[in-house]
């Protein structure tokens, strides 16, 4: 495929770039030998705005969980909701042996990250490079929370202010294991006001203005 220009985004634009908050993702880590591992997740979401933190859950004992427990950072790659991309998501979600490149198996392209060691996936339009803040094991899952230290995006997928062009990024969400290979598109935007007047709305808008002013 032809190389797509990636734009590095400054920190004040990271929050608006990760939308909607929960997203289907392919996440990369590296093992002790420096080999990249990739896996697909429907449980990836932005959990803090400034600084921007991203959380996901992985199976305990999976390659990504093991790599993170051993000190790897991670890169979140957000695919588009189109058949080719989602087919790649399904391949990357298979349980390959350690050291096998899921990126190659899915016919995808590894692209060096800007700050962390785990690579970006070139075919995804948005990328968030993270350093691990903390992890927590429970049952058979590991919760991983990371802080974004770099973000990049396809040049044709955001406007000059760093806001997403929804028809270009076409985010997807996973419908869940009971639905098999079903995904839902999440790129239709409906802007609505708040049909209420009162101190609660005033306080909400004040907090929103304060949050945006800090970026």
N, C-alpha and C. Protein backbone atom coordinates (compact mmCIF):
# COMPACT_ATOMS: atom_id res chain seq x y z
N UNK A 1 0.84 -1.18 0.00
CA UNK A 1 0.00 0.00 0.00
C UNK A 1 0.88 1.24 0.00
N UNK A 2 0.34 2.34 -0.55
CA UNK A 2 1.07 3.59 -0.55
C UNK A 2 1.16 4.12 0.87
N UNK A 3 2.31 4.69 1.22
CA UNK A 3 2.50 5.22 2.57
C UNK A 3 1.56 6.40 2.79
N UNK A 4 0.91 6.41 3.93
CA UNK A 4 0.02 7.50 4.31
C UNK A 4 0.77 8.43 5.24
N UNK A 5 0.70 9.72 4.98
CA UNK A 5 1.37 10.68 5.86
C UNK A 5 0.70 10.68 7.23
N UNK A 6 1.50 10.55 8.28
CA UNK A 6 1.02 10.60 9.65
C UNK A 6 1.38 11.95 10.26
N UNK A 7 0.41 12.58 10.89
CA UNK A 7 0.65 13.85 11.56
C UNK A 7 0.82 13.60 13.05
N UNK A 8 1.95 14.03 13.61
CA UNK A 8 2.11 14.01 15.06
C UNK A 8 1.20 15.08 15.64
N UNK A 9 0.46 14.72 16.70
CA UNK A 9 -0.47 15.65 17.31
C UNK A 9 0.07 16.13 18.65
N UNK A 10 -0.06 17.44 18.94
CA UNK A 10 0.41 17.96 20.23
C UNK A 10 -0.54 17.55 21.35
N UNK A 11 -0.07 17.58 22.60
CA UNK A 11 -0.88 17.08 23.73
C UNK A 11 -2.26 17.69 23.84
N UNK A 12 -2.44 18.95 23.50
CA UNK A 12 -3.75 19.57 23.66
C UNK A 12 -4.79 19.01 22.69
N UNK A 13 -4.36 18.22 21.70
CA UNK A 13 -5.30 17.63 20.75
C UNK A 13 -5.52 16.14 20.96
N UNK A 14 -4.82 15.53 21.93
CA UNK A 14 -4.94 14.08 22.10
C UNK A 14 -6.34 13.68 22.52
N UNK A 15 -6.95 14.44 23.41
CA UNK A 15 -8.27 14.07 23.94
C UNK A 15 -9.32 14.05 22.84
N UNK A 16 -9.30 15.03 21.96
CA UNK A 16 -10.30 15.09 20.90
C UNK A 16 -10.03 14.04 19.82
N UNK A 17 -8.80 13.52 19.78
CA UNK A 17 -8.46 12.52 18.77
C UNK A 17 -8.95 11.13 19.14
N UNK A 18 -9.06 10.84 20.47
CA UNK A 18 -9.54 9.53 20.91
C UNK A 18 -11.04 9.66 21.15
N UNK A 19 -11.82 9.40 20.14
CA UNK A 19 -13.27 9.48 20.25
C UNK A 19 -13.89 8.50 19.26
N UNK A 20 -15.03 7.91 19.61
CA UNK A 20 -15.72 7.99 20.89
C UNK A 20 -14.90 7.33 22.00
N UNK A 21 -15.31 7.53 23.27
CA UNK A 21 -14.48 7.08 24.38
C UNK A 21 -14.16 5.59 24.33
N UNK A 22 -15.14 4.68 24.15
CA UNK A 22 -14.77 3.26 23.96
C UNK A 22 -14.57 2.98 22.48
N UNK A 23 -13.47 2.33 22.13
CA UNK A 23 -13.16 2.06 20.72
C UNK A 23 -12.62 0.65 20.55
N UNK A 24 -12.92 0.05 19.41
CA UNK A 24 -12.23 -1.15 18.99
C UNK A 24 -10.78 -0.79 18.72
N UNK A 25 -9.85 -1.62 19.17
CA UNK A 25 -8.43 -1.28 19.03
C UNK A 25 -7.60 -2.51 18.74
N UNK A 26 -6.49 -2.30 18.06
CA UNK A 26 -5.41 -3.28 17.98
C UNK A 26 -4.23 -2.68 18.74
N UNK A 27 -3.76 -3.39 19.75
CA UNK A 27 -2.75 -2.87 20.66
C UNK A 27 -1.47 -3.68 20.52
N UNK A 28 -0.34 -2.98 20.41
CA UNK A 28 0.96 -3.63 20.26
C UNK A 28 1.80 -3.45 21.52
N UNK A 29 2.60 -4.46 21.81
CA UNK A 29 3.61 -4.43 22.86
C UNK A 29 4.88 -5.06 22.28
N UNK A 30 5.95 -5.11 23.07
CA UNK A 30 7.14 -5.84 22.65
C UNK A 30 7.56 -6.79 23.77
N UNK A 31 8.19 -7.91 23.36
CA UNK A 31 8.67 -8.87 24.35
C UNK A 31 10.14 -8.58 24.68
N UNK A 32 10.73 -9.43 25.51
CA UNK A 32 12.10 -9.21 25.97
C UNK A 32 13.11 -9.24 24.83
N UNK A 33 12.76 -9.89 23.72
CA UNK A 33 13.65 -9.96 22.55
C UNK A 33 13.39 -8.81 21.58
N UNK A 34 12.46 -7.91 21.94
CA UNK A 34 12.17 -6.78 21.08
C UNK A 34 11.20 -7.09 19.96
N UNK A 35 10.56 -8.27 20.02
CA UNK A 35 9.61 -8.65 18.98
C UNK A 35 8.24 -8.06 19.29
N UNK A 36 7.57 -7.55 18.26
CA UNK A 36 6.27 -6.92 18.45
C UNK A 36 5.17 -7.97 18.55
N UNK A 37 4.25 -7.76 19.46
CA UNK A 37 3.03 -8.56 19.56
C UNK A 37 1.85 -7.63 19.37
N UNK A 38 0.81 -8.12 18.71
CA UNK A 38 -0.41 -7.33 18.53
C UNK A 38 -1.61 -8.17 18.92
N UNK A 39 -2.62 -7.54 19.46
CA UNK A 39 -3.86 -8.22 19.81
C UNK A 39 -5.01 -7.23 19.66
N UNK A 40 -6.21 -7.76 19.47
CA UNK A 40 -7.40 -6.94 19.26
C UNK A 40 -8.21 -6.86 20.55
N UNK A 41 -8.81 -5.68 20.80
CA UNK A 41 -9.55 -5.46 22.04
C UNK A 41 -10.82 -4.65 21.77
N UNK A 42 -11.91 -5.10 22.36
CA UNK A 42 -13.13 -4.31 22.35
C UNK A 42 -13.31 -3.55 23.64
N UNK A 43 -12.35 -3.68 24.56
CA UNK A 43 -12.48 -3.08 25.89
C UNK A 43 -11.55 -1.90 26.09
N UNK A 44 -11.21 -1.19 25.03
CA UNK A 44 -10.26 -0.08 25.10
C UNK A 44 -11.03 1.23 25.18
N UNK A 45 -10.66 2.08 26.15
CA UNK A 45 -11.34 3.37 26.26
C UNK A 45 -10.46 4.42 26.91
N UNK A 46 -10.77 5.67 26.60
CA UNK A 46 -10.11 6.80 27.26
C UNK A 46 -10.77 6.99 28.61
N UNK A 47 -9.95 7.08 29.67
CA UNK A 47 -10.51 7.16 31.02
C UNK A 47 -10.13 8.46 31.73
N UNK A 48 -9.29 9.28 31.14
CA UNK A 48 -8.96 10.59 31.70
C UNK A 48 -8.63 11.53 30.55
N UNK A 49 -8.89 12.82 30.76
CA UNK A 49 -8.80 13.78 29.67
C UNK A 49 -7.47 14.53 29.62
N UNK A 50 -6.98 15.00 30.72
CA UNK A 50 -5.78 15.82 30.68
C UNK A 50 -4.95 15.68 31.93
N UNK A 51 -3.85 14.91 31.91
CA UNK A 51 -3.33 14.16 30.75
C UNK A 51 -4.28 13.05 30.31
N UNK A 52 -4.06 12.58 29.09
CA UNK A 52 -4.95 11.56 28.51
C UNK A 52 -4.46 10.18 28.92
N UNK A 53 -5.34 9.42 29.57
CA UNK A 53 -5.05 8.05 29.97
C UNK A 53 -5.99 7.10 29.26
N UNK A 54 -5.48 5.94 28.88
CA UNK A 54 -6.25 4.93 28.15
C UNK A 54 -6.17 3.61 28.91
N UNK A 55 -7.30 2.92 28.99
CA UNK A 55 -7.37 1.65 29.71
C UNK A 55 -7.90 0.55 28.80
N UNK A 56 -7.43 -0.67 29.05
CA UNK A 56 -8.00 -1.84 28.39
C UNK A 56 -7.77 -3.05 29.28
N UNK A 57 -8.45 -4.14 28.97
CA UNK A 57 -8.26 -5.38 29.73
C UNK A 57 -7.76 -6.46 28.79
N UNK A 58 -6.85 -7.28 29.32
CA UNK A 58 -6.27 -8.39 28.55
C UNK A 58 -6.37 -9.67 29.38
N UNK A 59 -6.40 -10.79 28.70
CA UNK A 59 -6.39 -12.07 29.41
C UNK A 59 -5.06 -12.26 30.13
N UNK A 60 -5.09 -12.62 31.40
CA UNK A 60 -3.87 -12.94 32.12
C UNK A 60 -3.19 -14.13 31.43
N UNK A 61 -1.89 -14.01 31.19
CA UNK A 61 -1.16 -15.05 30.49
C UNK A 61 -1.06 -14.83 29.00
N UNK A 62 -1.80 -13.84 28.46
CA UNK A 62 -1.67 -13.53 27.04
C UNK A 62 -0.34 -12.83 26.79
N UNK A 63 0.08 -12.82 25.54
CA UNK A 63 1.38 -12.22 25.22
C UNK A 63 1.44 -10.76 25.62
N UNK A 64 0.39 -9.99 25.31
CA UNK A 64 0.43 -8.58 25.67
C UNK A 64 0.47 -8.39 27.19
N UNK A 65 -0.32 -9.17 27.92
CA UNK A 65 -0.30 -9.06 29.38
C UNK A 65 1.09 -9.41 29.93
N UNK A 66 1.68 -10.47 29.39
CA UNK A 66 3.02 -10.86 29.84
C UNK A 66 4.05 -9.79 29.51
N UNK A 67 3.96 -9.22 28.32
CA UNK A 67 4.91 -8.19 27.93
C UNK A 67 4.79 -6.95 28.80
N UNK A 68 3.57 -6.56 29.09
CA UNK A 68 3.36 -5.38 29.93
C UNK A 68 3.84 -5.65 31.36
N UNK A 69 3.57 -6.85 31.86
CA UNK A 69 4.05 -7.21 33.20
C UNK A 69 5.57 -7.17 33.26
N UNK A 70 6.22 -7.42 32.12
CA UNK A 70 7.69 -7.42 32.06
C UNK A 70 8.27 -6.04 31.78
N UNK A 71 7.40 -5.01 31.60
CA UNK A 71 7.89 -3.66 31.45
C UNK A 71 7.64 -2.98 30.13
N UNK A 72 6.94 -3.63 29.21
CA UNK A 72 6.67 -3.00 27.91
C UNK A 72 5.64 -1.89 28.04
N UNK A 73 5.81 -0.83 27.25
CA UNK A 73 4.74 0.11 27.03
C UNK A 73 3.78 -0.47 26.00
N UNK A 74 2.86 0.34 25.49
CA UNK A 74 1.94 -0.17 24.47
C UNK A 74 1.50 0.95 23.54
N UNK A 75 1.13 0.55 22.33
CA UNK A 75 0.61 1.49 21.34
C UNK A 75 -0.79 1.06 20.94
N UNK A 76 -1.72 1.98 21.06
CA UNK A 76 -3.12 1.74 20.71
C UNK A 76 -3.34 2.21 19.28
N UNK A 77 -3.83 1.31 18.43
CA UNK A 77 -4.12 1.60 17.03
C UNK A 77 -5.61 1.42 16.80
N UNK A 78 -6.29 2.46 16.31
CA UNK A 78 -7.74 2.41 16.15
C UNK A 78 -8.09 2.19 14.68
N UNK A 79 -8.68 1.02 14.36
CA UNK A 79 -8.98 0.71 12.97
C UNK A 79 -10.27 1.36 12.49
N UNK A 80 -10.44 1.35 11.19
CA UNK A 80 -11.69 1.84 10.58
C UNK A 80 -12.74 0.73 10.56
N UNK A 81 -13.99 1.15 10.45
CA UNK A 81 -15.09 0.21 10.31
C UNK A 81 -15.32 -0.07 8.83
N UNK A 82 -14.46 -0.90 8.26
CA UNK A 82 -14.65 -1.39 6.89
C UNK A 82 -14.25 -2.86 6.88
N UNK A 83 -14.69 -3.59 5.89
CA UNK A 83 -14.52 -5.04 5.89
C UNK A 83 -13.05 -5.44 5.98
N UNK A 84 -12.19 -4.83 5.17
CA UNK A 84 -10.79 -5.21 5.17
C UNK A 84 -10.15 -4.98 6.54
N UNK A 85 -10.42 -3.83 7.14
CA UNK A 85 -9.85 -3.53 8.45
C UNK A 85 -10.36 -4.48 9.52
N UNK A 86 -11.66 -4.77 9.49
CA UNK A 86 -12.23 -5.64 10.52
C UNK A 86 -11.81 -7.09 10.32
N UNK A 87 -11.58 -7.51 9.09
CA UNK A 87 -11.01 -8.84 8.88
C UNK A 87 -9.62 -8.93 9.50
N UNK A 88 -8.84 -7.86 9.35
CA UNK A 88 -7.51 -7.83 9.97
C UNK A 88 -7.62 -7.86 11.49
N UNK A 89 -8.60 -7.15 12.03
CA UNK A 89 -8.84 -7.18 13.48
C UNK A 89 -9.08 -8.61 13.95
N UNK A 90 -9.85 -9.37 13.20
CA UNK A 90 -10.16 -10.75 13.60
C UNK A 90 -8.92 -11.64 13.54
N UNK A 91 -8.07 -11.44 12.54
CA UNK A 91 -6.83 -12.23 12.45
C UNK A 91 -5.91 -11.88 13.62
N UNK A 92 -5.75 -10.59 13.89
CA UNK A 92 -4.89 -10.16 14.98
C UNK A 92 -5.42 -10.68 16.33
N UNK A 93 -6.71 -10.93 16.41
CA UNK A 93 -7.30 -11.44 17.64
C UNK A 93 -7.10 -12.93 17.87
N UNK A 94 -6.50 -13.64 16.92
CA UNK A 94 -6.26 -15.07 17.10
C UNK A 94 -5.08 -15.31 18.04
N UNK A 95 -5.06 -16.50 18.63
CA UNK A 95 -4.04 -16.84 19.64
C UNK A 95 -2.83 -17.49 18.96
N UNK A 96 -1.97 -16.67 18.39
CA UNK A 96 -0.75 -17.18 17.78
C UNK A 96 0.30 -17.45 18.86
N UNK A 97 1.26 -18.31 18.54
CA UNK A 97 2.32 -18.64 19.48
C UNK A 97 3.19 -17.40 19.74
N UNK A 98 3.80 -17.31 20.93
CA UNK A 98 4.71 -16.20 21.21
C UNK A 98 5.78 -16.08 20.14
N UNK A 99 6.07 -14.86 19.73
CA UNK A 99 7.08 -14.61 18.71
C UNK A 99 6.55 -14.57 17.30
N UNK A 100 5.32 -15.08 17.08
CA UNK A 100 4.70 -15.00 15.76
C UNK A 100 4.12 -13.60 15.58
N UNK A 101 4.36 -13.00 14.43
CA UNK A 101 3.89 -11.63 14.18
C UNK A 101 2.45 -11.62 13.71
N UNK A 102 1.55 -11.20 14.57
CA UNK A 102 0.14 -11.05 14.19
C UNK A 102 -0.02 -9.98 13.11
N UNK A 103 0.85 -8.98 13.16
CA UNK A 103 0.79 -7.92 12.15
C UNK A 103 1.03 -8.49 10.76
N UNK A 104 2.04 -9.34 10.64
CA UNK A 104 2.33 -9.96 9.34
C UNK A 104 1.22 -10.94 8.95
N UNK A 105 0.74 -11.75 9.89
CA UNK A 105 -0.31 -12.72 9.59
C UNK A 105 -1.56 -12.04 9.04
N UNK A 106 -1.85 -10.83 9.52
CA UNK A 106 -3.04 -10.10 9.08
C UNK A 106 -2.79 -9.27 7.84
N UNK A 107 -1.56 -9.31 7.31
CA UNK A 107 -1.25 -8.52 6.12
C UNK A 107 -1.16 -7.04 6.40
N UNK A 108 -0.83 -6.67 7.63
CA UNK A 108 -0.71 -5.27 8.02
C UNK A 108 0.75 -4.83 8.00
N UNK A 109 0.97 -3.56 8.26
CA UNK A 109 2.30 -2.98 8.16
C UNK A 109 2.71 -2.36 9.49
N UNK A 110 3.84 -2.81 10.04
CA UNK A 110 4.37 -2.21 11.26
C UNK A 110 5.07 -0.89 10.91
N UNK A 111 4.76 0.13 11.68
CA UNK A 111 5.35 1.46 11.48
C UNK A 111 5.99 1.88 12.80
N UNK A 112 7.27 2.25 12.81
CA UNK A 112 7.89 2.63 14.08
C UNK A 112 7.09 3.70 14.81
N UNK A 113 6.98 3.55 16.11
CA UNK A 113 6.32 4.57 16.92
C UNK A 113 7.24 5.76 17.09
N UNK A 114 6.69 6.87 17.57
CA UNK A 114 7.48 8.09 17.71
C UNK A 114 8.26 8.13 19.02
N UNK A 115 7.69 7.55 20.11
CA UNK A 115 8.29 7.66 21.43
C UNK A 115 8.54 6.30 22.07
N UNK A 116 7.56 5.41 22.06
CA UNK A 116 7.68 4.12 22.72
C UNK A 116 8.19 3.07 21.73
N UNK A 117 8.53 1.88 22.25
CA UNK A 117 9.09 0.83 21.40
C UNK A 117 8.03 0.08 20.57
N UNK A 118 6.85 -0.26 21.12
CA UNK A 118 5.88 -1.01 20.32
C UNK A 118 5.45 -0.21 19.09
N UNK A 119 5.38 -0.85 17.93
CA UNK A 119 5.12 -0.11 16.70
C UNK A 119 3.66 0.30 16.55
N UNK A 120 3.46 1.26 15.66
CA UNK A 120 2.13 1.58 15.18
C UNK A 120 1.76 0.60 14.07
N UNK A 121 0.48 0.52 13.76
CA UNK A 121 -0.01 -0.26 12.62
C UNK A 121 -0.43 0.74 11.56
N UNK A 122 0.29 0.76 10.44
CA UNK A 122 0.16 1.83 9.45
C UNK A 122 -1.25 1.95 8.90
N UNK A 123 -1.95 0.83 8.76
CA UNK A 123 -3.28 0.86 8.15
C UNK A 123 -4.34 1.51 9.04
N UNK A 124 -4.06 1.66 10.32
CA UNK A 124 -4.99 2.33 11.22
C UNK A 124 -4.79 3.84 11.11
N UNK A 125 -5.86 4.63 11.14
CA UNK A 125 -5.69 6.07 10.97
C UNK A 125 -5.26 6.81 12.23
N UNK A 126 -5.39 6.18 13.43
CA UNK A 126 -5.05 6.89 14.67
C UNK A 126 -4.22 5.99 15.58
N UNK A 127 -3.26 6.63 16.28
CA UNK A 127 -2.31 5.88 17.11
C UNK A 127 -2.05 6.65 18.40
N UNK A 128 -1.99 5.92 19.52
CA UNK A 128 -1.73 6.51 20.83
C UNK A 128 -0.65 5.68 21.53
N UNK A 129 0.50 6.30 21.72
CA UNK A 129 1.63 5.62 22.35
C UNK A 129 1.58 5.87 23.85
N UNK A 130 1.67 4.79 24.64
CA UNK A 130 1.42 4.89 26.08
C UNK A 130 2.53 4.27 26.91
N UNK A 131 2.79 4.91 28.04
CA UNK A 131 3.59 4.31 29.09
C UNK A 131 2.64 3.80 30.17
N UNK A 132 2.92 2.65 30.73
CA UNK A 132 2.01 2.02 31.69
C UNK A 132 2.02 2.79 33.01
N UNK A 133 0.83 3.14 33.50
CA UNK A 133 0.68 3.76 34.82
C UNK A 133 0.51 2.71 35.91
N UNK A 134 -0.43 1.77 35.69
CA UNK A 134 -0.64 0.71 36.66
C UNK A 134 -1.41 -0.43 36.02
N UNK A 135 -1.32 -1.58 36.66
CA UNK A 135 -2.10 -2.75 36.23
C UNK A 135 -2.75 -3.37 37.47
N UNK A 136 -3.81 -4.10 37.24
CA UNK A 136 -4.49 -4.82 38.33
C UNK A 136 -5.05 -6.12 37.78
N UNK A 137 -4.72 -7.22 38.43
CA UNK A 137 -5.26 -8.53 38.05
C UNK A 137 -6.52 -8.83 38.84
N UNK A 138 -7.49 -9.39 38.17
CA UNK A 138 -8.64 -9.95 38.88
C UNK A 138 -9.25 -11.03 38.01
N UNK A 139 -9.73 -12.11 38.68
CA UNK A 139 -10.24 -13.27 37.94
C UNK A 139 -9.18 -13.67 36.89
N UNK A 140 -9.58 -13.71 35.61
CA UNK A 140 -8.62 -14.09 34.57
C UNK A 140 -8.22 -12.90 33.71
N UNK A 141 -8.42 -11.67 34.24
CA UNK A 141 -8.17 -10.47 33.45
C UNK A 141 -7.13 -9.58 34.10
N UNK A 142 -6.43 -8.84 33.27
CA UNK A 142 -5.53 -7.79 33.74
C UNK A 142 -6.06 -6.46 33.22
N UNK A 143 -6.29 -5.51 34.12
CA UNK A 143 -6.62 -4.14 33.72
C UNK A 143 -5.32 -3.37 33.57
N UNK A 144 -5.17 -2.70 32.44
CA UNK A 144 -3.96 -1.92 32.15
C UNK A 144 -4.37 -0.48 31.90
N UNK A 145 -3.74 0.45 32.59
CA UNK A 145 -3.97 1.87 32.36
C UNK A 145 -2.65 2.50 31.97
N UNK A 146 -2.65 3.21 30.84
CA UNK A 146 -1.45 3.87 30.35
C UNK A 146 -1.67 5.34 30.08
N UNK A 147 -0.60 6.10 30.15
CA UNK A 147 -0.66 7.54 29.85
C UNK A 147 -0.12 7.79 28.45
N UNK A 148 -0.87 8.54 27.66
CA UNK A 148 -0.46 8.85 26.30
C UNK A 148 0.75 9.79 26.33
N UNK A 149 1.80 9.40 25.60
CA UNK A 149 3.00 10.22 25.51
C UNK A 149 3.25 10.72 24.09
N UNK A 150 2.49 10.18 23.13
CA UNK A 150 2.55 10.66 21.74
C UNK A 150 1.29 10.17 21.04
N UNK A 151 0.82 10.95 20.09
CA UNK A 151 -0.34 10.56 19.29
C UNK A 151 -0.13 11.03 17.86
N UNK A 152 -0.61 10.24 16.92
CA UNK A 152 -0.48 10.60 15.52
C UNK A 152 -1.71 10.14 14.76
N UNK A 153 -1.90 10.70 13.58
CA UNK A 153 -3.13 10.49 12.82
C UNK A 153 -2.85 10.66 11.34
N UNK A 154 -3.61 9.96 10.51
CA UNK A 154 -3.52 10.16 9.07
C UNK A 154 -3.81 11.62 8.74
N UNK A 155 -3.03 12.18 7.84
CA UNK A 155 -3.12 13.60 7.53
C UNK A 155 -4.51 14.00 7.02
N UNK A 156 -5.21 13.08 6.37
CA UNK A 156 -6.52 13.42 5.81
C UNK A 156 -7.68 13.14 6.76
N UNK A 157 -7.38 12.80 8.02
CA UNK A 157 -8.43 12.33 8.93
C UNK A 157 -8.78 13.30 10.05
N UNK A 158 -8.12 14.45 10.10
CA UNK A 158 -8.45 15.49 11.08
C UNK A 158 -8.43 16.85 10.40
N UNK A 159 -9.13 17.82 11.03
CA UNK A 159 -9.07 19.18 10.51
C UNK A 159 -7.88 19.92 11.11
N UNK A 160 -7.76 21.19 10.81
CA UNK A 160 -6.60 21.96 11.26
C UNK A 160 -6.53 22.09 12.77
N UNK A 161 -7.66 21.92 13.46
CA UNK A 161 -7.70 22.02 14.92
C UNK A 161 -7.55 20.66 15.59
N UNK A 162 -7.35 19.61 14.81
CA UNK A 162 -7.17 18.28 15.38
C UNK A 162 -8.46 17.56 15.67
N UNK A 163 -9.59 18.07 15.19
CA UNK A 163 -10.86 17.38 15.39
C UNK A 163 -11.06 16.32 14.30
N UNK A 164 -11.60 15.20 14.70
CA UNK A 164 -11.78 14.06 13.80
C UNK A 164 -12.71 14.39 12.64
N UNK A 165 -12.35 13.92 11.46
CA UNK A 165 -13.25 13.90 10.31
C UNK A 165 -13.88 12.51 10.31
N UNK A 166 -15.11 12.43 10.78
CA UNK A 166 -15.72 11.14 11.10
C UNK A 166 -15.85 10.22 9.90
N UNK A 167 -16.11 10.78 8.73
CA UNK A 167 -16.25 9.92 7.55
C UNK A 167 -14.92 9.35 7.10
N UNK A 168 -13.82 9.87 7.63
CA UNK A 168 -12.49 9.36 7.29
C UNK A 168 -12.04 8.29 8.29
N UNK A 169 -12.19 8.54 9.59
CA UNK A 169 -11.69 7.58 10.58
C UNK A 169 -12.66 6.43 10.80
N UNK A 170 -13.96 6.67 10.66
CA UNK A 170 -14.99 5.62 10.75
C UNK A 170 -14.73 4.65 11.91
N UNK A 171 -14.76 5.12 13.16
CA UNK A 171 -14.48 4.23 14.30
C UNK A 171 -15.50 3.12 14.41
N UNK A 172 -15.08 2.03 15.07
CA UNK A 172 -15.94 0.86 15.24
C UNK A 172 -15.95 0.44 16.70
N UNK A 173 -17.01 -0.23 17.09
CA UNK A 173 -17.07 -0.88 18.39
C UNK A 173 -17.39 -2.35 18.17
N UNK A 174 -16.90 -3.19 19.07
CA UNK A 174 -17.13 -4.63 19.00
C UNK A 174 -18.44 -4.95 19.70
N UNK A 175 -19.27 -5.76 19.06
CA UNK A 175 -20.57 -6.09 19.64
C UNK A 175 -20.47 -7.10 20.78
N UNK A 176 -19.33 -7.76 20.93
CA UNK A 176 -19.15 -8.70 22.02
C UNK A 176 -19.12 -10.15 21.56
N UNK A 177 -18.51 -11.00 22.39
CA UNK A 177 -18.34 -12.41 22.03
C UNK A 177 -19.64 -13.11 21.66
N UNK A 178 -20.76 -12.85 22.35
CA UNK A 178 -22.00 -13.55 21.96
C UNK A 178 -22.44 -13.27 20.53
N UNK A 179 -21.95 -12.17 19.93
CA UNK A 179 -22.34 -11.80 18.58
C UNK A 179 -21.34 -12.27 17.53
N UNK A 180 -20.29 -12.98 17.94
CA UNK A 180 -19.31 -13.46 16.97
C UNK A 180 -18.60 -12.31 16.29
N UNK A 181 -18.49 -12.39 14.97
CA UNK A 181 -17.75 -11.38 14.21
C UNK A 181 -18.59 -10.18 13.86
N UNK A 182 -19.31 -9.61 14.82
CA UNK A 182 -20.17 -8.45 14.55
C UNK A 182 -19.57 -7.20 15.17
N UNK A 183 -19.58 -6.14 14.38
CA UNK A 183 -19.08 -4.84 14.81
C UNK A 183 -20.11 -3.78 14.46
N UNK A 184 -20.09 -2.68 15.17
CA UNK A 184 -21.01 -1.58 14.90
C UNK A 184 -20.22 -0.33 14.54
N UNK A 185 -20.69 0.37 13.53
CA UNK A 185 -20.05 1.63 13.15
C UNK A 185 -20.41 2.70 14.17
N UNK A 186 -19.47 3.61 14.41
CA UNK A 186 -19.68 4.66 15.41
C UNK A 186 -19.24 6.01 14.86
N UNK A 187 -19.63 6.29 13.61
CA UNK A 187 -19.16 7.53 13.00
C UNK A 187 -20.29 8.52 12.68
N UNK A 188 -21.54 8.15 12.96
CA UNK A 188 -22.63 9.10 12.76
C UNK A 188 -22.73 10.01 13.97
N UNK A 189 -22.63 11.32 13.74
CA UNK A 189 -22.60 12.29 14.84
C UNK A 189 -23.93 13.03 14.91
N UNK A 190 -24.53 13.05 16.08
CA UNK A 190 -25.77 13.79 16.32
C UNK A 190 -25.50 14.80 17.43
N UNK A 191 -25.54 16.07 17.11
CA UNK A 191 -25.30 17.11 18.10
C UNK A 191 -26.63 17.54 18.71
N UNK A 192 -26.72 17.50 20.01
CA UNK A 192 -27.96 17.87 20.70
C UNK A 192 -27.64 18.82 21.85
N UNK A 193 -28.60 19.67 22.15
CA UNK A 193 -28.48 20.56 23.29
C UNK A 193 -29.04 19.89 24.54
N UNK A 194 -29.05 20.62 25.64
CA UNK A 194 -29.60 20.12 26.90
C UNK A 194 -30.93 20.83 27.15
N UNK A 195 -32.06 20.13 27.04
CA UNK A 195 -33.37 20.78 27.20
C UNK A 195 -33.72 21.00 28.68
N UNK A 196 -32.86 21.75 29.35
CA UNK A 196 -33.05 21.98 30.78
C UNK A 196 -32.34 23.26 31.16
N UNK A 197 -32.94 24.04 32.04
CA UNK A 197 -32.32 25.25 32.56
C UNK A 197 -32.28 25.14 34.08
N UNK A 198 -31.13 25.39 34.66
CA UNK A 198 -31.01 25.31 36.10
C UNK A 198 -29.57 25.34 36.54
N UNK A 199 -29.35 25.37 37.83
CA UNK A 199 -27.97 25.46 38.35
C UNK A 199 -27.11 24.26 37.99
N UNK A 200 -27.72 23.09 37.83
CA UNK A 200 -26.94 21.90 37.48
C UNK A 200 -26.30 22.05 36.10
N UNK A 201 -27.08 22.59 35.15
CA UNK A 201 -26.54 22.82 33.81
C UNK A 201 -25.46 23.90 33.85
N UNK A 202 -25.70 24.95 34.60
CA UNK A 202 -24.70 26.02 34.71
C UNK A 202 -23.39 25.47 35.26
N UNK A 203 -23.48 24.62 36.29
CA UNK A 203 -22.27 24.05 36.89
C UNK A 203 -21.56 23.13 35.91
N UNK A 204 -22.33 22.35 35.17
CA UNK A 204 -21.73 21.45 34.18
C UNK A 204 -20.98 22.24 33.12
N UNK A 205 -21.60 23.28 32.57
CA UNK A 205 -20.95 24.08 31.54
C UNK A 205 -19.71 24.79 32.07
N UNK A 206 -19.76 25.22 33.33
CA UNK A 206 -18.59 25.87 33.93
C UNK A 206 -17.43 24.90 34.05
N UNK A 207 -17.72 23.65 34.47
CA UNK A 207 -16.66 22.63 34.57
C UNK A 207 -16.08 22.32 33.20
N UNK A 208 -16.96 22.27 32.19
CA UNK A 208 -16.50 21.99 30.84
C UNK A 208 -15.59 23.09 30.34
N UNK A 209 -15.96 24.34 30.57
CA UNK A 209 -15.12 25.47 30.14
C UNK A 209 -13.78 25.44 30.86
N UNK A 210 -13.81 25.11 32.16
CA UNK A 210 -12.57 25.05 32.93
C UNK A 210 -11.66 23.96 32.41
N UNK A 211 -12.23 22.79 32.10
CA UNK A 211 -11.43 21.68 31.59
C UNK A 211 -10.78 22.04 30.26
N UNK A 212 -11.54 22.66 29.36
CA UNK A 212 -11.00 23.01 28.05
C UNK A 212 -9.95 24.11 28.16
N UNK A 213 -10.11 25.01 29.13
CA UNK A 213 -9.15 26.10 29.28
C UNK A 213 -7.79 25.61 29.74
N UNK A 214 -7.74 24.44 30.37
CA UNK A 214 -6.49 23.91 30.90
C UNK A 214 -5.63 23.26 29.84
N UNK A 215 -6.18 23.05 28.66
CA UNK A 215 -5.41 22.35 27.63
C UNK A 215 -4.53 23.31 26.85
